[in-house]
C-alpha atoms as a PDB file:
ATOM      1  CA  UNK A   1      46.952-117.060  -1.023  1.00  0.00           C
ATOM      2  CA  UNK A   2      43.984-118.747   0.677  1.00  0.00           C
ATOM      3  CA  UNK A   3      42.240-115.378   1.108  1.00  0.00           C
ATOM      4  CA  UNK A   4      42.528-114.624  -2.623  1.00  0.00           C
ATOM      5  CA  UNK A   5      41.076-118.014  -3.513  1.00  0.00           C
ATOM      6  CA  UNK A   6      38.212-117.552  -1.035  1.00  0.00           C
ATOM      7  CA  UNK A   7      37.533-114.033  -2.338  1.00  0.00           C
ATOM      8  CA  UNK A   8      37.465-115.253  -5.957  1.00  0.00           C
ATOM      9  CA  UNK A   9      35.065-118.053  -4.994  1.00  0.00           C
ATOM     10  CA  UNK A  10      32.768-115.580  -3.219  1.00  0.00           C
ATOM     11  CA  UNK A  11      32.818-113.203  -6.206  1.00  0.00           C
ATOM     12  CA  UNK A  12      32.012-116.113  -8.547  1.00  0.00           C
ATOM     13  CA  UNK A  13      29.065-117.212  -6.395  1.00  0.00           C
ATOM     14  CA  UNK A  14      27.698-113.656  -6.235  1.00  0.00           C
ATOM     15  CA  UNK A  15      28.026-113.349 -10.017  1.00  0.00           C
ATOM     16  CA  UNK A  16      26.053-116.575 -10.569  1.00  0.00           C
ATOM     17  CA  UNK A  17      23.341-115.445  -8.136  1.00  0.00           C
ATOM     18  CA  UNK A  18      23.122-112.097  -9.938  1.00  0.00           C
ATOM     19  CA  UNK A  19      22.649-113.854 -13.276  1.00  0.00           C
ATOM     20  CA  UNK A  20      19.810-115.979 -11.829  1.00  0.00           C
ATOM     21  CA  UNK A  21      18.084-112.927 -10.331  1.00  0.00           C
ATOM     22  CA  UNK A  22      18.380-111.057 -13.626  1.00  0.00           C
ATOM     23  CA  UNK A  23      17.003-114.019 -15.600  1.00  0.00           C
ATOM     24  CA  UNK A  24      14.048-114.424 -13.229  1.00  0.00           C
ATOM     25  CA  UNK A  25      13.068-110.747 -13.325  1.00  0.00           C
ATOM     26  CA  UNK A  26      13.568-110.546 -17.081  1.00  0.00           C
ATOM     27  CA  UNK A  27      11.837-113.764 -18.170  1.00  0.00           C
ATOM     28  CA  UNK A  28       9.201-114.488 -15.514  1.00  0.00           C
ATOM     29  CA  UNK A  29       5.585-113.904 -16.605  1.00  0.00           C
ATOM     30  CA  UNK A  30       4.385-110.316 -16.298  1.00  0.00           C
ATOM     31  CA  UNK A  31       0.796-109.470 -15.458  1.00  0.00           C
ATOM     32  CA  UNK A  32      -1.038-107.253 -17.906  1.00  0.00           C
ATOM     33  CA  UNK A  33      -3.122-104.553 -16.257  1.00  0.00           C
ATOM     34  CA  UNK A  34      -6.448-103.221 -17.497  1.00  0.00           C
ATOM     35  CA  UNK A  35      -9.515-104.724 -19.115  1.00  0.00           C
ATOM     36  CA  UNK A  36      -9.059-108.098 -20.773  1.00  0.00           C
ATOM     37  CA  UNK A  37     -11.444-110.454 -22.551  1.00  0.00           C
ATOM     38  CA  UNK A  38     -10.774-114.103 -21.719  1.00  0.00           C
ATOM     39  CA  UNK A  39     -12.517-117.451 -21.840  1.00  0.00           C
ATOM     40  CA  UNK A  40     -12.470-120.233 -19.276  1.00  0.00           C
ATOM     41  CA  UNK A  41     -13.655-123.656 -20.382  1.00  0.00           C
ATOM     42  CA  UNK A  42     -14.314-126.417 -17.870  1.00  0.00           C
ATOM     43  CA  UNK A  43     -13.895-129.938 -19.302  1.00  0.00           C
ATOM     44  CA  UNK A  44     -15.466-132.576 -17.038  1.00  0.00           C
ATOM     45  CA  UNK A  45     -14.465-136.207 -16.582  1.00  0.00           C
ATOM     46  CA  UNK A  46     -17.162-137.310 -19.067  1.00  0.00           C
ATOM     47  CA  UNK A  47     -15.763-134.945 -21.720  1.00  0.00           C
ATOM     48  CA  UNK A  48     -18.611-132.442 -21.542  1.00  0.00           C
ATOM     49  CA  UNK A  49     -17.638-128.802 -21.292  1.00  0.00           C
ATOM     50  CA  UNK A  50     -18.983-125.471 -20.135  1.00  0.00           C
ATOM     51  CA  UNK A  51     -17.637-122.182 -21.476  1.00  0.00           C
ATOM     52  CA  UNK A  52     -17.377-118.907 -19.563  1.00  0.00           C
ATOM     53  CA  UNK A  53     -16.556-115.577 -21.184  1.00  0.00           C
ATOM     54  CA  UNK A  54     -15.243-112.838 -18.969  1.00  0.00           C
ATOM     55  CA  UNK A  55     -14.222-109.186 -19.157  1.00  0.00           C
ATOM     56  CA  UNK A  56     -11.797-108.718 -16.298  1.00  0.00           C
ATOM     57  CA  UNK A  57      -9.131-106.546 -14.760  1.00  0.00           C
ATOM     58  CA  UNK A  58      -7.677-109.611 -12.995  1.00  0.00           C
ATOM     59  CA  UNK A  59      -3.930-109.927 -13.222  1.00  0.00           C
ATOM     60  CA  UNK A  60      -3.863-113.624 -12.273  1.00  0.00           C
ATOM     61  CA  UNK A  61      -6.130-116.555 -13.100  1.00  0.00           C
ATOM     62  CA  UNK A  62      -7.126-117.141  -9.476  1.00  0.00           C
ATOM     63  CA  UNK A  63      -8.614-113.614  -9.403  1.00  0.00           C
ATOM     64  CA  UNK A  64     -10.459-114.258 -12.687  1.00  0.00           C
ATOM     65  CA  UNK A  65     -11.983-117.423 -11.202  1.00  0.00           C
ATOM     66  CA  UNK A  66     -13.458-115.364  -8.363  1.00  0.00           C
ATOM     67  CA  UNK A  67     -15.044-112.937 -10.869  1.00  0.00           C
ATOM     68  CA  UNK A  68     -16.559-115.608 -13.142  1.00  0.00           C
ATOM     69  CA  UNK A  69     -20.289-115.866 -12.570  1.00  0.00           C
ATOM     70  CA  UNK A  70     -21.473-119.475 -12.280  1.00  0.00           C
ATOM     71  CA  UNK A  71     -17.976-120.926 -11.879  1.00  0.00           C
ATOM     72  CA  UNK A  72     -17.467-122.574  -8.506  1.00  0.00           C
ATOM     73  CA  UNK A  73     -13.922-123.462  -7.537  1.00  0.00           C
ATOM     74  CA  UNK A  74     -13.135-125.359  -4.351  1.00  0.00           C
ATOM     75  CA  UNK A  75      -9.476-124.987  -3.527  1.00  0.00           C
ATOM     76  CA  UNK A  76      -6.880-125.431  -0.849  1.00  0.00           C
ATOM     77  CA  UNK A  77      -3.896-123.196  -0.278  1.00  0.00           C
ATOM     78  CA  UNK A  78      -0.678-125.153  -0.291  1.00  0.00           C
ATOM     79  CA  UNK A  79       3.032-124.421  -0.302  1.00  0.00           C
ATOM     80  CA  UNK A  80       2.860-123.711  -4.050  1.00  0.00           C
ATOM     81  CA  UNK A  81      -0.296-121.574  -3.963  1.00  0.00           C
ATOM     82  CA  UNK A  82      -3.825-122.529  -4.935  1.00  0.00           C
ATOM     83  CA  UNK A  83      -4.625-126.210  -5.504  1.00  0.00           C
ATOM     84  CA  UNK A  84      -7.919-126.787  -7.315  1.00  0.00           C
ATOM     85  CA  UNK A  85      -9.854-129.575  -5.588  1.00  0.00           C
ATOM     86  CA  UNK A  86     -13.257-129.302  -7.310  1.00  0.00           C
ATOM     87  CA  UNK A  87     -14.832-127.342 -10.152  1.00  0.00           C
ATOM     88  CA  UNK A  88     -18.600-126.861 -10.183  1.00  0.00           C
ATOM     89  CA  UNK A  89     -18.885-129.646  -7.608  1.00  0.00           C
ATOM     90  CA  UNK A  90     -16.821-132.199  -9.574  1.00  0.00           C
ATOM     91  CA  UNK A  91     -14.013-133.341  -7.338  1.00  0.00           C
ATOM     92  CA  UNK A  92     -10.574-134.305  -8.636  1.00  0.00           C
ATOM     93  CA  UNK A  93      -8.312-135.334  -5.770  1.00  0.00           C
ATOM     94  CA  UNK A  94      -5.293-137.469  -6.363  1.00  0.00           C
ATOM     95  CA  UNK A  95      -5.613-139.279  -3.042  1.00  0.00           C
ATOM     96  CA  UNK A  96      -9.312-140.064  -3.687  1.00  0.00           C
ATOM     97  CA  UNK A  97      -9.724-140.755  -7.427  1.00  0.00           C
ATOM     98  CA  UNK A  98      -6.184-140.400  -8.884  1.00  0.00           C
ATOM     99  CA  UNK A  99      -7.276-137.270 -10.733  1.00  0.00           C
ATOM    100  CA  UNK A 100      -6.453-133.572 -10.785  1.00  0.00           C
ATOM    101  CA  UNK A 101      -7.551-130.385 -12.555  1.00  0.00           C
ATOM    102  CA  UNK A 102      -4.987-129.384 -15.150  1.00  0.00           C
ATOM    103  CA  UNK A 103      -4.794-125.811 -16.397  1.00  0.00           C
ATOM    104  CA  UNK A 104      -4.403-125.305 -20.130  1.00  0.00           C
ATOM    105  CA  UNK A 105      -3.391-121.877 -21.474  1.00  0.00           C
ATOM    106  CA  UNK A 106      -4.127-121.121 -25.114  1.00  0.00           C
ATOM    107  CA  UNK A 107      -4.145-124.836 -25.928  1.00  0.00           C
ATOM    108  CA  UNK A 108      -0.938-125.719 -24.097  1.00  0.00           C
ATOM    109  CA  UNK A 109      -0.360-127.283 -20.711  1.00  0.00           C
ATOM    110  CA  UNK A 110       0.019-124.471 -18.168  1.00  0.00           C
ATOM    111  CA  UNK A 111       3.403-123.975 -16.571  1.00  0.00           C
ATOM    112  CA  UNK A 112       2.026-122.122 -13.523  1.00  0.00           C
ATOM    113  CA  UNK A 113      -0.681-122.625 -10.955  1.00  0.00           C
ATOM    114  CA  UNK A 114      -3.764-120.404 -10.864  1.00  0.00           C
ATOM    115  CA  UNK A 115      -2.128-118.119  -8.283  1.00  0.00           C
ATOM    116  CA  UNK A 116       0.791-117.316 -10.605  1.00  0.00           C
ATOM    117  CA  UNK A 117      -0.751-117.719 -14.071  1.00  0.00           C
ATOM    118  CA  UNK A 118      -0.975-114.251 -15.605  1.00  0.00           C
ATOM    119  CA  UNK A 119      -4.067-113.197 -17.535  1.00  0.00           C
ATOM    120  CA  UNK A 120      -3.618-111.428 -20.873  1.00  0.00           C
ATOM    121  CA  UNK A 121      -6.224-110.101 -23.251  1.00  0.00           C
ATOM    122  CA  UNK A 122      -7.539-112.848 -25.515  1.00  0.00           C
ATOM    123  CA  UNK A 123      -6.312-115.762 -23.397  1.00  0.00           C
ATOM    124  CA  UNK A 124      -8.260-119.015 -23.548  1.00  0.00           C
ATOM    125  CA  UNK A 125      -7.986-121.097 -20.385  1.00  0.00           C
ATOM    126  CA  UNK A 126      -9.213-124.626 -19.818  1.00  0.00           C
ATOM    127  CA  UNK A 127      -9.672-126.505 -16.576  1.00  0.00           C
ATOM    128  CA  UNK A 128      -9.485-130.147 -17.591  1.00  0.00           C
ATOM    129  CA  UNK A 129     -10.397-133.096 -15.366  1.00  0.00           C
ATOM    130  CA  UNK A 130      -7.319-135.291 -15.770  1.00  0.00           C
ATOM    131  CA  UNK A 131      -6.906-138.893 -14.625  1.00  0.00           C
ATOM    132  CA  UNK A 132      -3.434-139.901 -13.525  1.00  0.00           C
END
């Protein structure tokens, strides 16, 4: 009787894990390949902004940053990927000035970091200096 209960528990756990794996592969963001036209706007602490237009084959935003002429990103690699420390020399570090660079995607707060944020044709990205 104990073996049947243990076997049913194991089968139930494997079923739940399978559902999570399916959901992740089905609903996680997918990178679009090929040429894309995107914009990246940098909004500084004083509210001024600088716009960059880019034709890119980049699949992820971090790659697009590297291709954008005149855009200088200082970053650190952390456990969750790329952490933006400064943009065009303007530093936003939580431990220094209680600020960070937020990523906006098509007018909405980004749900992914630059390392995982997919780039699709027509996307409009913003890097916004944000005080905590």
